[in-house]
N, C-alpha and C. Protein backbone atom coordinates (compact mmCIF):
# COMPACT_ATOMS: atom_id res chain seq x y z
N UNK A 1 45.35 58.69 -62.18
CA UNK A 1 45.94 58.11 -63.41
C UNK A 1 46.03 56.89 -64.25
N UNK A 2 45.70 57.34 -65.52
CA UNK A 2 46.15 55.38 -66.27
C UNK A 2 47.48 55.59 -67.26
N UNK A 3 47.76 54.48 -66.39
CA UNK A 3 50.05 54.29 -66.76
C UNK A 3 49.47 53.81 -67.95
N UNK A 4 48.90 54.09 -68.88
CA UNK A 4 48.91 54.20 -70.87
C UNK A 4 49.19 55.34 -71.25
N UNK A 5 49.44 56.14 -69.69
CA UNK A 5 49.46 57.91 -70.48
C UNK A 5 51.16 58.38 -70.40
N UNK A 6 51.80 56.78 -69.91
CA UNK A 6 53.00 57.15 -69.32
C UNK A 6 54.19 56.30 -70.39
N UNK A 7 55.09 57.37 -71.11
CA UNK A 7 56.54 56.44 -71.50
C UNK A 7 57.35 57.15 -70.90
N UNK A 8 58.34 55.45 -71.21
CA UNK A 8 59.05 55.25 -70.35
C UNK A 8 59.82 53.83 -70.89
N UNK A 9 61.47 53.97 -70.20
CA UNK A 9 62.23 52.80 -70.52
C UNK A 9 62.78 52.31 -68.42
N UNK A 10 62.68 51.06 -68.66
CA UNK A 10 63.15 51.03 -66.94
C UNK A 10 61.57 49.95 -66.00
N UNK A 11 62.27 50.04 -64.91
CA UNK A 11 61.77 50.12 -64.15
C UNK A 11 60.06 50.30 -63.99
N UNK A 12 60.10 51.53 -64.19
CA UNK A 12 58.89 52.31 -63.87
C UNK A 12 57.88 52.08 -65.14
N UNK A 13 58.43 51.65 -66.21
CA UNK A 13 57.56 51.89 -67.08
C UNK A 13 56.73 50.44 -67.48
N UNK A 14 57.35 49.44 -66.17
CA UNK A 14 56.72 47.68 -67.03
C UNK A 14 55.48 47.33 -66.10
N UNK A 15 55.36 46.88 -66.85
CA UNK A 15 53.62 46.20 -66.42
C UNK A 15 53.60 44.64 -65.40
N UNK A 16 52.76 43.82 -64.26
CA UNK A 16 52.91 42.54 -64.48
C UNK A 16 53.06 41.65 -65.09
N UNK A 17 53.99 40.95 -65.54
CA UNK A 17 53.40 39.60 -66.80
C UNK A 17 52.06 39.23 -66.19
N UNK A 18 50.68 38.86 -67.12
CA UNK A 18 50.07 37.64 -66.90
C UNK A 18 49.05 38.96 -66.46
N UNK A 19 49.18 40.80 -66.64
CA UNK A 19 48.05 41.94 -65.93
C UNK A 19 47.47 42.43 -67.50
N UNK A 20 47.53 42.17 -68.06
CA UNK A 20 47.50 42.62 -69.46
C UNK A 20 48.00 43.91 -69.57
N UNK A 21 48.53 44.29 -69.62
CA UNK A 21 49.39 46.03 -69.06
C UNK A 21 47.86 46.48 -68.58
N UNK A 22 47.62 46.07 -66.83
CA UNK A 22 46.66 47.27 -65.97
C UNK A 22 47.63 47.20 -65.21
N UNK A 23 48.67 46.15 -64.44
CA UNK A 23 48.74 46.25 -63.27
C UNK A 23 50.46 46.59 -63.30
N UNK A 24 51.16 47.39 -62.72
CA UNK A 24 52.54 47.84 -62.37
C UNK A 24 53.81 46.98 -62.58
N UNK A 25 54.44 46.89 -62.80
CA UNK A 25 55.10 45.64 -62.08
C UNK A 25 55.90 46.26 -60.85
N UNK A 26 55.06 44.73 -60.05
CA UNK A 26 54.97 44.72 -58.22
C UNK A 26 55.48 43.77 -57.56
N UNK A 27 55.89 44.19 -56.69
CA UNK A 27 56.69 43.28 -56.08
C UNK A 27 55.81 42.32 -55.02
N UNK A 28 54.65 41.86 -54.95
CA UNK A 28 53.42 40.59 -55.06
C UNK A 28 52.91 39.68 -55.82
N UNK A 29 53.18 40.42 -57.08
CA UNK A 29 53.20 39.57 -58.18
C UNK A 29 51.66 39.50 -58.90
N UNK A 30 50.85 40.52 -57.66
CA UNK A 30 49.64 40.95 -58.33
C UNK A 30 49.45 41.29 -59.57
N UNK A 31 48.63 40.17 -60.69
CA UNK A 31 47.89 40.65 -61.45
C UNK A 31 46.35 41.09 -61.56
N UNK A 32 45.76 41.72 -60.73
CA UNK A 32 44.31 42.13 -60.59
C UNK A 32 44.31 43.67 -60.22
N UNK A 33 43.79 44.29 -60.93
CA UNK A 33 43.57 45.39 -60.80
C UNK A 33 42.92 45.60 -59.37
N UNK A 34 41.94 45.18 -59.44
CA UNK A 34 41.25 45.38 -57.82
C UNK A 34 42.39 45.01 -56.42
N UNK A 35 42.36 43.79 -56.60
CA UNK A 35 43.59 43.30 -56.28
C UNK A 35 44.31 44.47 -55.88
N UNK A 36 44.79 45.16 -56.29
CA UNK A 36 46.62 45.84 -56.38
C UNK A 36 45.31 47.08 -55.16
N UNK A 37 44.43 47.81 -55.50
CA UNK A 37 43.57 48.91 -55.45
C UNK A 37 43.64 48.57 -53.53
N UNK A 38 43.47 47.19 -53.93
CA UNK A 38 43.04 46.69 -52.24
C UNK A 38 44.44 46.45 -51.17
N UNK A 39 45.16 46.11 -51.96
CA UNK A 39 46.92 46.48 -51.53
C UNK A 39 47.23 47.47 -50.99
N UNK A 40 46.80 48.24 -51.88
CA UNK A 40 46.99 50.10 -51.68
C UNK A 40 46.36 50.88 -50.57
N UNK A 41 45.33 50.70 -50.88
CA UNK A 41 44.18 50.97 -49.67
C UNK A 41 44.56 51.02 -48.30
N UNK A 42 45.56 49.43 -48.05
CA UNK A 42 45.36 49.13 -46.91
C UNK A 42 47.01 48.89 -45.99
N UNK A 43 47.87 49.09 -46.94
CA UNK A 43 48.85 49.92 -46.56
C UNK A 43 48.96 51.12 -46.28
N UNK A 44 47.97 52.43 -46.98
CA UNK A 44 47.25 53.21 -46.54
C UNK A 44 46.83 53.80 -45.34
N UNK A 45 46.52 52.86 -45.11
CA UNK A 45 45.63 52.98 -43.45
C UNK A 45 46.92 52.69 -42.65
N UNK A 46 47.76 51.50 -42.92
CA UNK A 46 49.04 51.37 -42.23
C UNK A 46 49.95 52.70 -42.16
N UNK A 47 49.47 53.43 -43.23
CA UNK A 47 50.93 54.42 -43.37
C UNK A 47 50.15 55.46 -42.42
N UNK A 48 49.36 55.91 -42.67
CA UNK A 48 48.60 57.13 -41.31
C UNK A 48 48.74 56.56 -39.52
N UNK A 49 48.45 55.53 -39.59
CA UNK A 49 48.97 54.78 -38.55
C UNK A 49 50.52 55.46 -37.96
N UNK A 50 51.75 54.74 -38.86
CA UNK A 50 52.56 55.16 -38.98
C UNK A 50 53.03 56.08 -38.41
N UNK A 51 52.58 57.63 -39.16
CA UNK A 51 52.78 58.56 -39.09
C UNK A 51 52.67 59.29 -38.53
N UNK A 52 51.19 58.79 -37.66
CA UNK A 52 50.94 59.70 -36.42
C UNK A 52 51.82 58.86 -34.59
N UNK A 53 52.81 58.70 -35.42
CA UNK A 53 53.30 57.89 -34.11
C UNK A 53 54.95 58.71 -34.52
N UNK A 54 55.24 58.44 -36.05
CA UNK A 54 56.20 59.72 -35.69
C UNK A 54 56.42 60.89 -36.73
N UNK A 55 55.82 61.59 -36.68
CA UNK A 55 55.01 63.37 -36.52
C UNK A 55 54.64 63.74 -35.31
N UNK A 56 55.09 64.99 -34.78
CA UNK A 56 54.15 65.83 -34.27
C UNK A 56 53.77 67.02 -34.83
N UNK A 57 52.78 67.69 -33.41
CA UNK A 57 52.77 68.50 -33.99
C UNK A 57 53.65 69.55 -34.43
N UNK A 58 54.92 70.02 -33.54
CA UNK A 58 55.43 70.72 -33.59
C UNK A 58 56.78 70.55 -34.92
N UNK A 59 56.23 69.61 -35.31
CA UNK A 59 57.43 69.25 -36.85
C UNK A 59 57.37 70.17 -37.58
N UNK A 60 58.52 70.25 -38.38
CA UNK A 60 58.43 71.57 -39.28
C UNK A 60 58.42 70.62 -40.71
N UNK A 61 57.64 69.92 -41.73
CA UNK A 61 58.10 68.76 -42.42
C UNK A 61 58.58 69.83 -43.40
N UNK A 62 59.36 68.49 -43.96
CA UNK A 62 60.37 68.61 -45.24
C UNK A 62 59.70 67.92 -46.78
N UNK A 63 60.23 68.13 -47.57
CA UNK A 63 60.41 67.21 -48.84
C UNK A 63 61.28 65.97 -48.31
N UNK A 64 61.96 66.03 -47.75
CA UNK A 64 62.37 64.20 -47.27
C UNK A 64 61.38 63.59 -46.73
N UNK A 65 60.42 64.27 -45.47
CA UNK A 65 59.38 63.28 -45.96
C UNK A 65 58.24 63.38 -46.39
N UNK A 66 57.95 64.16 -47.48
CA UNK A 66 57.14 63.21 -48.19
C UNK A 66 57.47 61.94 -49.12
N UNK A 67 58.46 62.30 -49.08
CA UNK A 67 59.01 61.17 -49.83
C UNK A 67 58.88 60.22 -49.01
N UNK A 68 59.33 59.98 -48.12
CA UNK A 68 59.10 58.73 -46.61
C UNK A 68 57.80 58.37 -46.51
N UNK A 69 56.52 59.51 -46.36
CA UNK A 69 55.12 58.76 -46.66
C UNK A 69 55.12 57.79 -47.94
N UNK A 70 56.51 58.74 -48.45
CA UNK A 70 55.24 57.44 -49.93
C UNK A 70 56.42 56.36 -50.14
N UNK A 71 57.69 55.62 -49.81
CA UNK A 71 58.07 54.53 -49.45
C UNK A 71 57.57 53.90 -48.66
N UNK A 72 57.33 54.57 -46.88
CA UNK A 72 56.49 53.60 -46.46
C UNK A 72 54.98 52.86 -46.94
N UNK A 73 54.58 54.32 -47.06
CA UNK A 73 53.65 53.28 -47.57
C UNK A 73 53.49 52.04 -49.02
N UNK A 74 54.05 52.40 -49.44
CA UNK A 74 54.38 51.61 -51.68
C UNK A 74 55.12 50.78 -51.54
N UNK A 75 56.32 50.89 -50.41
CA UNK A 75 56.89 50.37 -50.01
C UNK A 75 57.67 48.73 -50.20
N UNK A 76 56.67 48.08 -49.76
CA UNK A 76 55.98 47.03 -49.68
C UNK A 76 55.59 46.16 -51.24
N UNK A 77 55.00 47.01 -51.85
CA UNK A 77 53.84 46.72 -53.39
C UNK A 77 55.12 47.40 -54.60
N UNK A 78 55.96 48.79 -54.98
CA UNK A 78 56.32 48.53 -55.36
C UNK A 78 58.18 49.11 -55.76
N UNK A 79 58.84 48.59 -56.44
CA UNK A 79 60.30 48.87 -56.18
C UNK A 79 61.28 50.52 -55.83
N UNK A 80 59.89 50.92 -57.15
CA UNK A 80 60.15 52.31 -57.77
C UNK A 80 59.31 53.48 -56.03
N UNK A 81 58.86 52.69 -55.10
CA UNK A 81 58.77 53.68 -54.10
C UNK A 81 59.41 54.46 -52.92
N UNK A 82 58.89 56.02 -52.96
CA UNK A 82 59.74 56.33 -52.43
C UNK A 82 60.84 57.37 -53.30
N UNK A 83 60.99 56.97 -54.51
CA UNK A 83 61.92 57.40 -55.74
C UNK A 83 60.96 58.53 -56.41
N UNK A 84 61.90 59.68 -57.40
CA UNK A 84 60.97 60.15 -57.43
C UNK A 84 61.00 59.53 -59.32
N UNK A 85 59.87 60.30 -60.35
CA UNK A 85 59.52 59.18 -61.52
C UNK A 85 60.66 59.71 -62.06
N UNK A 86 60.97 59.37 -63.44
CA UNK A 86 61.08 58.72 -64.55
C UNK A 86 60.33 59.11 -65.80
N UNK A 87 59.56 59.55 -65.91
CA UNK A 87 57.98 58.90 -66.62
C UNK A 87 57.65 60.79 -66.64
N UNK A 88 57.61 60.66 -67.56
CA UNK A 88 55.88 61.72 -67.92
C UNK A 88 54.74 61.95 -67.33
N UNK A 89 54.03 62.61 -66.97
CA UNK A 89 52.21 62.34 -66.78
C UNK A 89 51.77 62.97 -67.48
N UNK A 90 50.84 62.24 -68.19
CA UNK A 90 49.72 63.79 -68.81
C UNK A 90 48.67 62.66 -67.71
N UNK A 91 47.07 63.82 -67.81
CA UNK A 91 46.12 63.30 -67.42
C UNK A 91 45.49 64.06 -67.88
N UNK A 92 44.19 63.72 -69.16
CA UNK A 92 42.99 64.74 -70.09
C UNK A 92 43.69 65.52 -70.99
N UNK A 93 44.44 65.69 -71.12
CA UNK A 93 45.59 66.85 -72.39
C UNK A 93 46.69 67.59 -71.58
N UNK A 94 46.64 67.42 -69.69
CA UNK A 94 47.05 68.14 -68.75
C UNK A 94 48.26 67.28 -68.30
N UNK A 95 50.25 68.39 -69.09
CA UNK A 95 50.64 67.87 -68.33
C UNK A 95 50.77 68.15 -66.99
N UNK A 96 51.81 67.02 -66.54
CA UNK A 96 52.56 67.64 -65.40
C UNK A 96 53.90 67.83 -65.49
N UNK A 97 54.88 68.55 -64.50
CA UNK A 97 56.57 68.85 -64.87
C UNK A 97 56.64 68.07 -65.12
N UNK A 98 57.40 68.14 -65.97
CA UNK A 98 58.78 66.84 -66.57
C UNK A 98 59.68 66.47 -65.50
N UNK A 99 59.97 65.11 -65.62
CA UNK A 99 60.44 64.64 -65.04
C UNK A 99 61.85 64.95 -65.22
N UNK A 100 62.39 64.82 -65.79
CA UNK A 100 63.94 65.90 -65.25
C UNK A 100 63.93 67.44 -64.21
N UNK A 101 62.33 68.10 -63.68
CA UNK A 101 62.73 68.72 -62.88
C UNK A 101 62.14 68.83 -61.73
N UNK A 102 61.60 67.35 -61.71
CA UNK A 102 60.98 67.18 -60.18
C UNK A 102 62.36 67.39 -59.42
N UNK A 103 64.14 66.77 -59.47
CA UNK A 103 64.38 66.94 -58.10
C UNK A 103 64.23 68.16 -57.61
N UNK A 104 63.90 68.98 -58.21
CA UNK A 104 64.40 70.67 -58.12
C UNK A 104 63.52 71.28 -57.81
N UNK A 105 62.04 70.70 -58.34
CA UNK A 105 60.87 71.85 -57.88
C UNK A 105 60.91 70.47 -56.27
N UNK A 106 60.86 69.29 -56.07
CA UNK A 106 60.67 69.01 -55.05
C UNK A 106 61.67 70.09 -53.71
N UNK A 107 63.10 70.13 -54.05
CA UNK A 107 64.16 70.79 -53.61
C UNK A 107 63.09 72.12 -52.59
N UNK A 108 62.03 73.27 -53.76
CA UNK A 108 61.75 74.27 -53.71
C UNK A 108 60.94 74.21 -52.88
N UNK A 109 60.23 73.60 -53.14
CA UNK A 109 59.08 72.75 -52.62
C UNK A 109 58.74 72.35 -51.15
N UNK A 110 60.23 72.61 -51.04
CA UNK A 110 60.23 72.16 -49.09
C UNK A 110 61.02 72.95 -48.39
N UNK A 111 61.31 74.17 -49.58
CA UNK A 111 62.34 75.09 -48.98
C UNK A 111 60.92 76.24 -49.20
N UNK A 112 60.83 76.19 -49.70
CA UNK A 112 59.38 77.29 -50.40
C UNK A 112 57.97 77.62 -49.31
N UNK A 113 57.77 75.91 -49.58
CA UNK A 113 56.03 75.94 -49.21
C UNK A 113 55.67 75.21 -47.38
N UNK A 114 56.73 74.23 -47.82
CA UNK A 114 56.63 73.20 -46.34
C UNK A 114 57.00 74.04 -45.18
N UNK A 115 58.60 74.98 -45.84
CA UNK A 115 59.05 75.68 -44.74
C UNK A 115 57.80 77.17 -43.93
N UNK A 116 57.48 77.44 -44.44
CA UNK A 116 56.24 78.16 -44.60
C UNK A 116 55.73 78.28 -44.12
N UNK A 117 54.74 77.05 -44.50
CA UNK A 117 53.77 76.50 -44.25
C UNK A 117 53.52 75.54 -42.99
N UNK A 118 54.44 75.01 -42.50
CA UNK A 118 54.38 73.97 -41.06
C UNK A 118 55.53 74.69 -40.59
N UNK A 119 54.85 73.99 -39.02
CA UNK A 119 54.35 72.91 -38.11
C UNK A 119 52.67 73.98 -38.82
N UNK A 120 51.77 73.45 -38.64
CA UNK A 120 50.53 74.06 -38.81
C UNK A 120 50.08 74.16 -37.15
N UNK A 121 50.58 73.73 -36.16
CA UNK A 121 50.13 73.63 -35.12
C UNK A 121 49.61 75.51 -34.68
N UNK A 122 48.25 75.66 -33.55
CA UNK A 122 48.29 76.92 -33.26
C UNK A 122 46.99 77.98 -34.80
N UNK A 123 47.50 77.07 -36.09
CA UNK A 123 46.40 77.40 -37.18
C UNK A 123 44.99 77.42 -36.69
N UNK A 124 44.25 79.09 -37.34
CA UNK A 124 43.08 78.68 -37.21
C UNK A 124 42.67 77.99 -38.53
N UNK A 125 41.04 77.55 -38.99
CA UNK A 125 40.82 77.40 -39.74
C UNK A 125 41.11 78.03 -41.36
N UNK A 126 40.90 79.56 -41.22
CA UNK A 126 41.32 80.11 -42.51
C UNK A 126 42.92 80.44 -42.69
N UNK A 127 43.49 79.81 -41.54
CA UNK A 127 45.08 79.43 -42.09
C UNK A 127 45.56 78.65 -42.81
N UNK A 128 45.12 77.21 -41.91
CA UNK A 128 45.00 76.40 -42.06
C UNK A 128 44.80 75.86 -43.69
N UNK A 129 43.32 76.52 -43.99
CA UNK A 129 43.02 76.48 -45.36
C UNK A 129 43.80 77.25 -46.11
N UNK A 130 44.59 77.81 -46.06
CA UNK A 130 45.35 77.97 -46.96
C UNK A 130 46.59 77.33 -47.14
N UNK A 131 47.30 77.02 -46.22
CA UNK A 131 48.54 76.26 -46.08
C UNK A 131 48.42 75.14 -46.66
N UNK A 132 47.34 74.41 -46.64
CA UNK A 132 46.48 73.27 -47.49
C UNK A 132 46.40 73.44 -48.83
N UNK A 133 45.73 74.40 -48.46
CA UNK A 133 45.60 74.54 -50.64
C UNK A 133 46.85 74.83 -51.37
N UNK A 134 47.99 75.54 -51.07
CA UNK A 134 48.91 75.64 -51.51
C UNK A 134 49.98 74.10 -50.79
N UNK A 135 50.16 73.79 -50.54
CA UNK A 135 51.04 73.25 -50.18
C UNK A 135 50.32 71.25 -51.46
N UNK A 136 49.48 71.58 -51.16
CA UNK A 136 48.66 69.94 -51.81
C UNK A 136 48.75 70.62 -53.03
N UNK A 137 48.44 72.19 -54.00
CA UNK A 137 48.52 71.99 -55.01
C UNK A 137 49.54 71.56 -55.61
N UNK A 138 50.78 72.47 -54.94
CA UNK A 138 52.27 72.48 -55.78
C UNK A 138 53.04 71.27 -56.06
N UNK A 139 52.77 70.00 -54.76
CA UNK A 139 53.32 68.79 -54.86
C UNK A 139 51.79 67.97 -55.47
N UNK A 140 50.94 68.17 -55.90
CA UNK A 140 49.92 67.48 -57.47
C UNK A 140 50.08 67.67 -58.35
N UNK A 141 50.86 69.16 -58.97
CA UNK A 141 51.75 69.73 -59.93
C UNK A 141 52.49 69.24 -60.15
N UNK A 142 53.67 69.04 -58.91
CA UNK A 142 54.60 68.54 -59.47
C UNK A 142 55.11 67.44 -59.82
N UNK A 143 53.87 66.33 -58.76
CA UNK A 143 53.47 65.09 -59.30
C UNK A 143 55.15 64.09 -59.58
N UNK A 144 55.51 64.02 -58.09
CA UNK A 144 56.85 63.65 -58.38
C UNK A 144 56.96 62.29 -58.05
N UNK A 145 56.11 61.47 -58.07
CA UNK A 145 56.25 59.82 -58.13
C UNK A 145 55.10 59.06 -59.33
N UNK A 146 56.16 58.63 -59.24
CA UNK A 146 54.97 57.34 -60.64
C UNK A 146 53.83 56.93 -60.11
N UNK A 147 53.41 56.30 -58.66
CA UNK A 147 52.25 56.80 -59.15
C UNK A 147 51.81 57.05 -57.75
N UNK A 148 50.43 56.89 -56.97
CA UNK A 148 49.95 57.60 -56.01
C UNK A 148 50.38 58.75 -55.15
N UNK A 149 50.30 60.15 -56.14
CA UNK A 149 50.88 61.13 -56.00
C UNK A 149 49.60 62.19 -54.93
N UNK A 150 48.18 61.99 -55.97
CA UNK A 150 46.98 62.04 -54.75
C UNK A 150 47.04 62.09 -53.61
N UNK A 151 47.46 60.73 -53.64
CA UNK A 151 46.94 60.30 -52.00
C UNK A 151 48.10 60.36 -51.20
N UNK A 152 49.14 60.57 -51.91
CA UNK A 152 50.23 61.48 -50.78
C UNK A 152 49.83 62.40 -50.67
N UNK A 153 49.29 63.27 -51.65
CA UNK A 153 49.20 64.60 -50.90
C UNK A 153 48.07 64.44 -49.98
N UNK A 154 47.09 64.10 -50.09
CA UNK A 154 46.41 64.11 -49.27
C UNK A 154 46.37 63.44 -47.85
N UNK A 155 47.52 62.69 -47.85
CA UNK A 155 48.59 62.15 -46.72
C UNK A 155 49.17 63.18 -46.00
N UNK A 156 49.70 63.80 -46.70
CA UNK A 156 50.56 64.88 -46.48
C UNK A 156 49.83 66.23 -45.84
N UNK A 157 48.14 66.42 -46.16
CA UNK A 157 47.32 67.42 -45.91
C UNK A 157 46.83 67.00 -44.55
N UNK A 158 46.38 65.49 -44.66
CA UNK A 158 46.00 64.80 -43.36
C UNK A 158 46.91 65.35 -42.09
N UNK A 159 48.14 65.03 -42.32
CA UNK A 159 49.44 65.77 -41.48
C UNK A 159 49.07 67.40 -40.62
N UNK A 160 48.55 68.00 -41.81
CA UNK A 160 48.84 68.83 -41.29
C UNK A 160 47.54 69.14 -40.46
N UNK A 161 46.89 68.46 -41.05
CA UNK A 161 45.66 69.61 -40.99
C UNK A 161 45.55 68.33 -39.39
N UNK A 162 46.24 67.59 -38.42
CA UNK A 162 46.28 66.65 -37.52
C UNK A 162 46.91 68.05 -36.19
N UNK A 163 48.15 68.59 -37.53
CA UNK A 163 49.48 69.95 -35.83
C UNK A 163 48.10 70.23 -35.78
N UNK A 164 47.30 70.99 -36.56
CA UNK A 164 46.52 72.27 -35.72
C UNK A 164 44.98 71.80 -34.90
N UNK A 165 45.03 70.14 -34.98
CA UNK A 165 44.32 70.18 -34.38
C UNK A 165 43.28 69.80 -34.80
N UNK A 166 43.15 68.97 -36.15
CA UNK A 166 41.36 68.72 -36.55
C UNK A 166 42.12 67.17 -36.49
N UNK A 167 40.20 67.28 -36.15
CA UNK A 167 39.92 65.31 -36.39
C UNK A 167 39.98 64.85 -37.71
N UNK A 168 41.19 63.21 -38.42
CA UNK A 168 40.87 62.90 -39.39
C UNK A 168 40.49 63.57 -40.33
N UNK A 169 41.23 64.00 -41.64
CA UNK A 169 40.37 65.20 -42.68
C UNK A 169 39.41 63.75 -43.21
N UNK A 170 37.88 64.58 -43.56
CA UNK A 170 37.04 63.75 -45.06
C UNK A 170 37.02 64.51 -45.71
N UNK A 171 38.14 63.11 -46.98
CA UNK A 171 37.84 64.78 -48.04
C UNK A 171 36.86 64.17 -49.27
N UNK A 172 36.03 63.65 -48.53
CA UNK A 172 34.21 63.07 -49.32
C UNK A 172 34.46 64.68 -50.27
N UNK A 173 34.47 65.83 -49.71
CA UNK A 173 34.18 66.97 -50.59
C UNK A 173 34.50 67.04 -52.35
N UNK A 174 35.70 66.35 -51.87
CA UNK A 174 37.01 66.37 -53.13
C UNK A 174 36.87 65.20 -53.99
N UNK A 175 35.33 64.51 -53.78
CA UNK A 175 35.61 63.89 -54.90
C UNK A 175 33.56 63.51 -54.88
N UNK A 176 33.43 62.95 -56.11
CA UNK A 176 31.92 62.51 -56.83
C UNK A 176 31.25 64.18 -57.10
N UNK A 177 30.09 64.53 -57.02
CA UNK A 177 30.56 66.07 -57.88
C UNK A 177 31.12 67.45 -56.97
N UNK A 178 31.89 66.98 -56.16
CA UNK A 178 33.26 68.17 -55.83
C UNK A 178 34.19 67.97 -56.78
N UNK A 179 34.26 66.74 -57.41
CA UNK A 179 35.71 66.54 -58.55
C UNK A 179 35.68 67.43 -59.49
N UNK A 180 34.60 67.95 -59.95
CA UNK A 180 35.43 68.96 -61.38
C UNK A 180 36.38 70.07 -60.58
N UNK A 181 35.15 70.26 -59.62
CA UNK A 181 35.81 71.94 -59.07
C UNK A 181 36.94 71.74 -57.92
N UNK A 182 37.80 70.35 -57.60
CA UNK A 182 38.66 70.13 -57.21
C UNK A 182 39.35 70.18 -58.92
N UNK A 183 39.46 69.42 -59.28
CA UNK A 183 40.58 69.68 -60.47
C UNK A 183 40.80 70.68 -61.29
N UNK A 184 39.45 71.62 -61.24
CA UNK A 184 39.47 73.13 -62.24
C UNK A 184 40.15 74.01 -61.07
N UNK A 185 40.31 73.43 -59.46
CA UNK A 185 41.03 74.57 -58.90
C UNK A 185 42.70 74.41 -58.54
N UNK A 186 43.03 72.80 -59.13
CA UNK A 186 44.37 72.66 -59.48
C UNK A 186 45.01 73.13 -60.29
N UNK A 187 44.27 73.42 -61.22
CA UNK A 187 44.40 74.35 -62.64
C UNK A 187 44.66 75.72 -62.60
N UNK A 188 43.65 76.20 -61.52
CA UNK A 188 44.09 77.65 -61.19
C UNK A 188 44.99 77.65 -60.53
N UNK A 189 45.52 77.11 -59.82
CA UNK A 189 46.79 76.80 -59.15
C UNK A 189 48.09 77.25 -59.39
N UNK A 190 48.14 77.05 -60.74
CA UNK A 190 49.19 76.57 -62.18
C UNK A 190 49.29 78.24 -62.39
N UNK A 191 48.52 79.17 -61.72
CA UNK A 191 48.67 80.62 -62.59
C UNK A 191 48.59 81.03 -60.95
N UNK A 192 49.41 81.17 -59.98
CA UNK A 192 49.00 80.95 -58.15
C UNK A 192 47.62 81.51 -57.41
N UNK A 193 46.74 81.27 -58.23
CA UNK A 193 45.52 81.90 -57.91
C UNK A 193 45.03 80.55 -56.80
N UNK A 194 45.50 80.33 -55.96
CA UNK A 194 44.84 79.69 -54.67
C UNK A 194 43.72 79.45 -54.35
N UNK A 195 42.97 80.21 -54.01
CA UNK A 195 41.32 80.40 -53.92
C UNK A 195 40.55 79.33 -53.62
N UNK A 196 40.18 78.72 -55.27
CA UNK A 196 39.54 78.13 -55.41
C UNK A 196 40.04 76.89 -54.81
N UNK A 197 41.05 76.79 -54.50
CA UNK A 197 41.46 75.51 -53.87
C UNK A 197 41.38 76.03 -52.39
N UNK A 198 41.52 77.06 -51.79
CA UNK A 198 41.42 76.64 -50.44
C UNK A 198 39.44 76.98 -50.62
N UNK A 199 39.31 77.21 -51.60
CA UNK A 199 37.57 77.33 -51.19
C UNK A 199 37.71 75.20 -51.17
N UNK A 200 37.85 74.46 -51.51
CA UNK A 200 37.56 72.98 -51.93
C UNK A 200 37.83 73.13 -50.21
N UNK A 201 39.26 73.33 -49.56
CA UNK A 201 39.58 72.87 -48.27
C UNK A 201 38.17 73.38 -47.22
N UNK A 202 37.88 74.21 -47.07
CA UNK A 202 37.62 74.42 -46.58
C UNK A 202 35.70 74.37 -46.22
N UNK A 203 36.39 73.12 -47.34
CA UNK A 203 34.81 72.19 -46.91
C UNK A 203 35.06 71.25 -46.79
N UNK A 204 36.49 70.53 -47.04
CA UNK A 204 37.05 69.80 -46.45
C UNK A 204 36.48 70.19 -44.90
N UNK A 205 37.65 71.34 -44.50
CA UNK A 205 37.47 71.15 -42.77
C UNK A 205 36.24 71.42 -42.18
N UNK A 206 34.74 71.70 -42.98
CA UNK A 206 33.56 72.04 -41.99
C UNK A 206 33.03 70.59 -42.16
N UNK A 207 33.31 70.23 -43.67
CA UNK A 207 32.91 68.05 -43.64
C UNK A 207 32.77 67.92 -41.55
N UNK A 208 34.44 67.54 -41.90
CA UNK A 208 34.99 66.89 -40.82
C UNK A 208 34.94 67.07 -39.82
N UNK A 209 34.00 69.32 -39.55
CA UNK A 209 34.08 69.15 -38.46
C UNK A 209 32.72 68.63 -37.91
N UNK A 210 31.24 68.39 -39.30
CA UNK A 210 30.39 68.21 -38.90
C UNK A 210 30.38 66.48 -38.57
N UNK A 211 30.71 65.64 -39.43
CA UNK A 211 30.90 64.29 -39.19
C UNK A 211 31.13 64.01 -37.80
N UNK A 212 31.69 65.11 -37.35
CA UNK A 212 33.05 64.39 -36.23
C UNK A 212 32.13 65.28 -34.64
N UNK A 213 31.09 65.75 -35.09
CA UNK A 213 31.11 66.97 -33.96
C UNK A 213 32.34 67.57 -32.90
N UNK A 214 32.94 68.09 -33.69
CA UNK A 214 34.19 68.75 -32.76
C UNK A 214 33.93 70.25 -33.68
N UNK A 215 34.63 70.80 -32.56
CA UNK A 215 34.88 72.75 -32.72
C UNK A 215 36.26 72.53 -33.42
N UNK A 216 37.40 71.68 -33.00
CA UNK A 216 38.50 71.96 -34.16
C UNK A 216 39.01 73.31 -34.30
N UNK A 217 40.15 73.00 -35.03
CA UNK A 217 40.29 74.32 -35.39
C UNK A 217 40.48 75.68 -35.35
């Protein structure tokens, strides 16, 4: 998501001095895009390890857990980590949920989706793909945070798959040549059609099992 597509005032709209409007204001004083990308990636890897130690296969996940994941991941980099965005977000002409609606939408997400779809322990691949598609689509469409929504949604999917006994997910089928199908599937979810995204996640699960040589869920 390009920061230039956001319109807001206050800390969430500010860029780091010296970054030429390319890096959001951050706690490390980072001004280079690649350095920030590296810092975010390293923090995300650390959050995967933290999550393994703090979530169980039998745990029903909540909207608050999503906030915790985001805060743990980006809390050392951005002052607004783990806080709902105060800016409206668009990409390629597509508008995500209005910022004013995010708190209520996240409450609904916890009650309607996470409470029904987790824990994922005991799920077979078909049920797991359905659960991943539904929760992933809804979280991405809400886009609750200033940055990192897609990666946070993948982190949630990764946790849910671990609950189902899967190895760590390989998301490569959603990138490269698979990226257009993934974006089209997210758009289909606007009309409560999750089948295209289920197909995407079935490819993710198949790829994960193939590269790990595991029988999986």
